[in-house]
């Protein structure tokens, strides 16, 4: 009964996980949008082949473009952080936390990741981004410790 919509803790996880999955996928599309908008920031030499979208490929399209690369770095950061939350979140649900604790931690993670993305997109300092990263990281660590305590 833990992994059903009858369990409000699992529903909380489902909402948080779906938002984070949309964040990961959306960031990939944002990178594509920025590449098309700037006509630059391509990643691989084979991207310079003539095609429907890139009708006039140029070698300078492979040069790093911060507008595109910033989105790519944001995507990589999401891919480094969100999967741990997705996996740990399921374990956490199975460990049977209270609904209040689950909401605080899971929605706290979502808010910290969304705020981190805004900070990255608006070129905030490393300290700002690191603080927001730390909040999300600590949430996952707390959930993992909770799981260990529950099963040991």
C-alpha atoms as a PDB file:
ATOM      1  CA  UNK A   1       0.000   0.000   0.000  1.00  0.00           C
ATOM      2  CA  UNK A   2       3.011   2.327   0.224  1.00  0.00           C
ATOM      3  CA  UNK A   3       3.343   2.995  -3.513  1.00  0.00           C
ATOM      4  CA  UNK A   4      -0.259   3.888  -4.293  1.00  0.00           C
ATOM      5  CA  UNK A   5      -2.134   7.139  -4.559  1.00  0.00           C
ATOM      6  CA  UNK A   6      -3.877   6.184  -1.324  1.00  0.00           C
ATOM      7  CA  UNK A   7      -0.611   7.032   0.462  1.00  0.00           C
ATOM      8  CA  UNK A   8      -0.274  10.845   0.741  1.00  0.00           C
ATOM      9  CA  UNK A   9       3.501  10.533   1.254  1.00  0.00           C
ATOM     10  CA  UNK A  10       3.779   8.722  -2.079  1.00  0.00           C
ATOM     11  CA  UNK A  11       1.559  11.349  -3.726  1.00  0.00           C
ATOM     12  CA  UNK A  12       3.931  14.007  -2.381  1.00  0.00           C
ATOM     13  CA  UNK A  13       6.832  12.103  -3.925  1.00  0.00           C
ATOM     14  CA  UNK A  14       4.953  11.706  -7.214  1.00  0.00           C
ATOM     15  CA  UNK A  15       4.374  15.455  -7.451  1.00  0.00           C
ATOM     16  CA  UNK A  16       7.951  16.359  -6.518  1.00  0.00           C
ATOM     17  CA  UNK A  17       9.421  13.700  -8.818  1.00  0.00           C
ATOM     18  CA  UNK A  18       7.246  14.726 -11.773  1.00  0.00           C
ATOM     19  CA  UNK A  19       8.281  18.369 -11.361  1.00  0.00           C
ATOM     20  CA  UNK A  20      11.949  17.384 -11.224  1.00  0.00           C
ATOM     21  CA  UNK A  21      11.634  15.124 -14.264  1.00  0.00           C
ATOM     22  CA  UNK A  22       9.998  17.982 -16.174  1.00  0.00           C
ATOM     23  CA  UNK A  23      12.851  20.223 -15.007  1.00  0.00           C
ATOM     24  CA  UNK A  24      15.485  17.848 -16.387  1.00  0.00           C
ATOM     25  CA  UNK A  25      13.690  17.384 -19.694  1.00  0.00           C
ATOM     26  CA  UNK A  26      12.819  21.060 -20.007  1.00  0.00           C
ATOM     27  CA  UNK A  27      16.427  22.107 -19.483  1.00  0.00           C
ATOM     28  CA  UNK A  28      17.470  19.931 -22.412  1.00  0.00           C
ATOM     29  CA  UNK A  29      14.897  21.656 -24.589  1.00  0.00           C
ATOM     30  CA  UNK A  30      16.080  25.036 -23.310  1.00  0.00           C
ATOM     31  CA  UNK A  31      19.578  24.194 -24.520  1.00  0.00           C
ATOM     32  CA  UNK A  32      18.225  23.273 -27.958  1.00  0.00           C
ATOM     33  CA  UNK A  33      16.232  26.517 -28.055  1.00  0.00           C
ATOM     34  CA  UNK A  34      19.323  28.543 -27.179  1.00  0.00           C
ATOM     35  CA  UNK A  35      21.404  26.760 -29.829  1.00  0.00           C
ATOM     36  CA  UNK A  36      18.779  27.509 -32.475  1.00  0.00           C
ATOM     37  CA  UNK A  37      18.294  31.089 -31.330  1.00  0.00           C
ATOM     38  CA  UNK A  38      22.010  31.885 -31.343  1.00  0.00           C
ATOM     39  CA  UNK A  39      22.892  29.649 -34.322  1.00  0.00           C
ATOM     40  CA  UNK A  40      25.861  28.474 -32.277  1.00  0.00           C
ATOM     41  CA  UNK A  41      27.047  26.336 -29.420  1.00  0.00           C
ATOM     42  CA  UNK A  42      26.907  23.055 -31.284  1.00  0.00           C
ATOM     43  CA  UNK A  43      28.536  20.186 -29.412  1.00  0.00           C
ATOM     44  CA  UNK A  44      30.018  17.793 -31.977  1.00  0.00           C
ATOM     45  CA  UNK A  45      31.828  18.094 -35.334  1.00  0.00           C
ATOM     46  CA  UNK A  46      29.123  16.049 -37.063  1.00  0.00           C
ATOM     47  CA  UNK A  47      26.669  18.829 -36.163  1.00  0.00           C
ATOM     48  CA  UNK A  48      28.264  20.854 -38.970  1.00  0.00           C
ATOM     49  CA  UNK A  49      26.625  18.730 -41.650  1.00  0.00           C
ATOM     50  CA  UNK A  50      24.038  20.472 -43.802  1.00  0.00           C
ATOM     51  CA  UNK A  51      20.505  19.697 -42.658  1.00  0.00           C
ATOM     52  CA  UNK A  52      16.981  21.092 -42.507  1.00  0.00           C
ATOM     53  CA  UNK A  53      17.785  23.256 -39.486  1.00  0.00           C
ATOM     54  CA  UNK A  54      21.453  24.032 -40.114  1.00  0.00           C
ATOM     55  CA  UNK A  55      21.432  24.937 -43.792  1.00  0.00           C
ATOM     56  CA  UNK A  56      24.705  26.881 -43.666  1.00  0.00           C
ATOM     57  CA  UNK A  57      27.038  25.183 -41.180  1.00  0.00           C
ATOM     58  CA  UNK A  58      30.181  27.065 -40.159  1.00  0.00           C
ATOM     59  CA  UNK A  59      33.161  25.965 -38.068  1.00  0.00           C
ATOM     60  CA  UNK A  60      32.548  28.782 -35.560  1.00  0.00           C
ATOM     61  CA  UNK A  61      29.256  27.093 -34.587  1.00  0.00           C
ATOM     62  CA  UNK A  62      31.371  24.635 -32.574  1.00  0.00           C
ATOM     63  CA  UNK A  63      32.908  27.403 -30.459  1.00  0.00           C
ATOM     64  CA  UNK A  64      31.697  27.714 -26.877  1.00  0.00           C
ATOM     65  CA  UNK A  65      28.825  30.163 -26.592  1.00  0.00           C
ATOM     66  CA  UNK A  66      28.111  31.084 -22.955  1.00  0.00           C
ATOM     67  CA  UNK A  67      24.391  31.566 -23.661  1.00  0.00           C
ATOM     68  CA  UNK A  68      24.146  27.943 -24.823  1.00  0.00           C
ATOM     69  CA  UNK A  69      26.805  26.523 -22.538  1.00  0.00           C
ATOM     70  CA  UNK A  70      25.202  28.017 -19.421  1.00  0.00           C
ATOM     71  CA  UNK A  71      22.033  26.036 -20.216  1.00  0.00           C
ATOM     72  CA  UNK A  72      24.145  22.942 -20.876  1.00  0.00           C
ATOM     73  CA  UNK A  73      25.880  23.371 -17.488  1.00  0.00           C
ATOM     74  CA  UNK A  74      22.505  23.800 -15.785  1.00  0.00           C
ATOM     75  CA  UNK A  75      21.311  20.591 -17.424  1.00  0.00           C
ATOM     76  CA  UNK A  76      24.444  18.730 -16.339  1.00  0.00           C
ATOM     77  CA  UNK A  77      23.969  20.023 -12.789  1.00  0.00           C
ATOM     78  CA  UNK A  78      20.387  18.740 -12.776  1.00  0.00           C
ATOM     79  CA  UNK A  79      21.574  15.363 -14.046  1.00  0.00           C
ATOM     80  CA  UNK A  80      24.140  15.227 -11.245  1.00  0.00           C
ATOM     81  CA  UNK A  81      21.619  15.996  -8.496  1.00  0.00           C
ATOM     82  CA  UNK A  82      18.038  15.096  -9.351  1.00  0.00           C
ATOM     83  CA  UNK A  83      18.493  11.333  -9.974  1.00  0.00           C
ATOM     84  CA  UNK A  84      19.729  10.860  -6.383  1.00  0.00           C
ATOM     85  CA  UNK A  85      16.563  12.545  -5.151  1.00  0.00           C
ATOM     86  CA  UNK A  86      14.389  10.372  -7.386  1.00  0.00           C
ATOM     87  CA  UNK A  87      15.977   7.155  -6.105  1.00  0.00           C
ATOM     88  CA  UNK A  88      16.227   8.211  -2.461  1.00  0.00           C
ATOM     89  CA  UNK A  89      12.685   9.552  -2.518  1.00  0.00           C
ATOM     90  CA  UNK A  90      11.271   6.106  -3.255  1.00  0.00           C
ATOM     91  CA  UNK A  91      13.309   4.576  -0.443  1.00  0.00           C
ATOM     92  CA  UNK A  92      12.151   7.364   1.833  1.00  0.00           C
ATOM     93  CA  UNK A  93       8.482   6.692   0.999  1.00  0.00           C
ATOM     94  CA  UNK A  94       9.037   3.001   1.736  1.00  0.00           C
ATOM     95  CA  UNK A  95      10.537   3.926   5.128  1.00  0.00           C
ATOM     96  CA  UNK A  96       7.192   5.472   6.134  1.00  0.00           C
ATOM     97  CA  UNK A  97       7.917   9.053   7.164  1.00  0.00           C
ATOM     98  CA  UNK A  98       5.212  11.408   8.365  1.00  0.00           C
ATOM     99  CA  UNK A  99       3.404  13.413   5.705  1.00  0.00           C
ATOM    100  CA  UNK A 100       4.664  16.683   7.185  1.00  0.00           C
ATOM    101  CA  UNK A 101       8.295  15.557   7.080  1.00  0.00           C
ATOM    102  CA  UNK A 102       7.884  14.241   3.531  1.00  0.00           C
ATOM    103  CA  UNK A 103       6.363  17.506   2.325  1.00  0.00           C
ATOM    104  CA  UNK A 104       9.036  19.632   4.000  1.00  0.00           C
ATOM    105  CA  UNK A 105      11.884  17.581   2.561  1.00  0.00           C
ATOM    106  CA  UNK A 106      10.529  16.791  -0.890  1.00  0.00           C
ATOM    107  CA  UNK A 107       9.060  20.184  -1.662  1.00  0.00           C
ATOM    108  CA  UNK A 108      12.137  21.750  -0.075  1.00  0.00           C
ATOM    109  CA  UNK A 109      14.271  19.868  -2.583  1.00  0.00           C
ATOM    110  CA  UNK A 110      12.081  20.989  -5.481  1.00  0.00           C
ATOM    111  CA  UNK A 111      12.206  24.616  -4.371  1.00  0.00           C
ATOM    112  CA  UNK A 112      15.962  24.521  -3.852  1.00  0.00           C
ATOM    113  CA  UNK A 113      16.547  23.069  -7.340  1.00  0.00           C
ATOM    114  CA  UNK A 114      14.217  25.561  -9.008  1.00  0.00           C
ATOM    115  CA  UNK A 115      15.859  28.428  -7.118  1.00  0.00           C
ATOM    116  CA  UNK A 116      19.282  27.059  -8.077  1.00  0.00           C
ATOM    117  CA  UNK A 117      18.242  27.148 -11.735  1.00  0.00           C
ATOM    118  CA  UNK A 118      17.053  30.731 -11.451  1.00  0.00           C
ATOM    119  CA  UNK A 119      20.313  31.678  -9.734  1.00  0.00           C
ATOM    120  CA  UNK A 120      22.331  29.958 -12.472  1.00  0.00           C
ATOM    121  CA  UNK A 121      20.288  31.489 -15.293  1.00  0.00           C
ATOM    122  CA  UNK A 122      20.606  34.988 -13.813  1.00  0.00           C
ATOM    123  CA  UNK A 123      24.368  34.629 -13.229  1.00  0.00           C
ATOM    124  CA  UNK A 124      24.301  34.826  -9.449  1.00  0.00           C
ATOM    125  CA  UNK A 125      27.504  34.272  -7.501  1.00  0.00           C
ATOM    126  CA  UNK A 126      28.884  30.851  -6.758  1.00  0.00           C
ATOM    127  CA  UNK A 127      28.010  31.416  -3.095  1.00  0.00           C
ATOM    128  CA  UNK A 128      24.333  31.832  -3.939  1.00  0.00           C
ATOM    129  CA  UNK A 129      24.301  28.740  -6.138  1.00  0.00           C
ATOM    130  CA  UNK A 130      26.304  26.743  -3.589  1.00  0.00           C
ATOM    131  CA  UNK A 131      23.877  27.669  -0.824  1.00  0.00           C
ATOM    132  CA  UNK A 132      20.918  26.472  -2.884  1.00  0.00           C
ATOM    133  CA  UNK A 133      22.809  23.317  -3.879  1.00  0.00           C
ATOM    134  CA  UNK A 134      23.583  22.674  -0.214  1.00  0.00           C
ATOM    135  CA  UNK A 135      19.912  22.868   0.747  1.00  0.00           C
ATOM    136  CA  UNK A 136      18.968  20.266  -1.871  1.00  0.00           C
ATOM    137  CA  UNK A 137      21.937  18.069  -1.051  1.00  0.00           C
ATOM    138  CA  UNK A 138      21.165  18.130   2.658  1.00  0.00           C
ATOM    139  CA  UNK A 139      17.556  17.148   1.939  1.00  0.00           C
ATOM    140  CA  UNK A 140      18.700  14.022   0.089  1.00  0.00           C
ATOM    141  CA  UNK A 141      21.227  13.221   2.815  1.00  0.00           C
ATOM    142  CA  UNK A 142      18.551  13.579   5.522  1.00  0.00           C
ATOM    143  CA  UNK A 143      16.212  11.306   3.562  1.00  0.00           C
ATOM    144  CA  UNK A 144      18.970   8.700   3.115  1.00  0.00           C
ATOM    145  CA  UNK A 145      19.861   8.779   6.817  1.00  0.00           C
ATOM    146  CA  UNK A 146      16.167   8.473   7.692  1.00  0.00           C
ATOM    147  CA  UNK A 147      15.972   5.359   5.518  1.00  0.00           C
ATOM    148  CA  UNK A 148      19.052   3.839   7.137  1.00  0.00           C
ATOM    149  CA  UNK A 149      17.761   4.526  10.638  1.00  0.00           C
ATOM    150  CA  UNK A 150      14.377   3.062   9.741  1.00  0.00           C
ATOM    151  CA  UNK A 151      15.793  -0.210   8.461  1.00  0.00           C
ATOM    152  CA  UNK A 152      18.755  -0.809  10.763  1.00  0.00           C
END
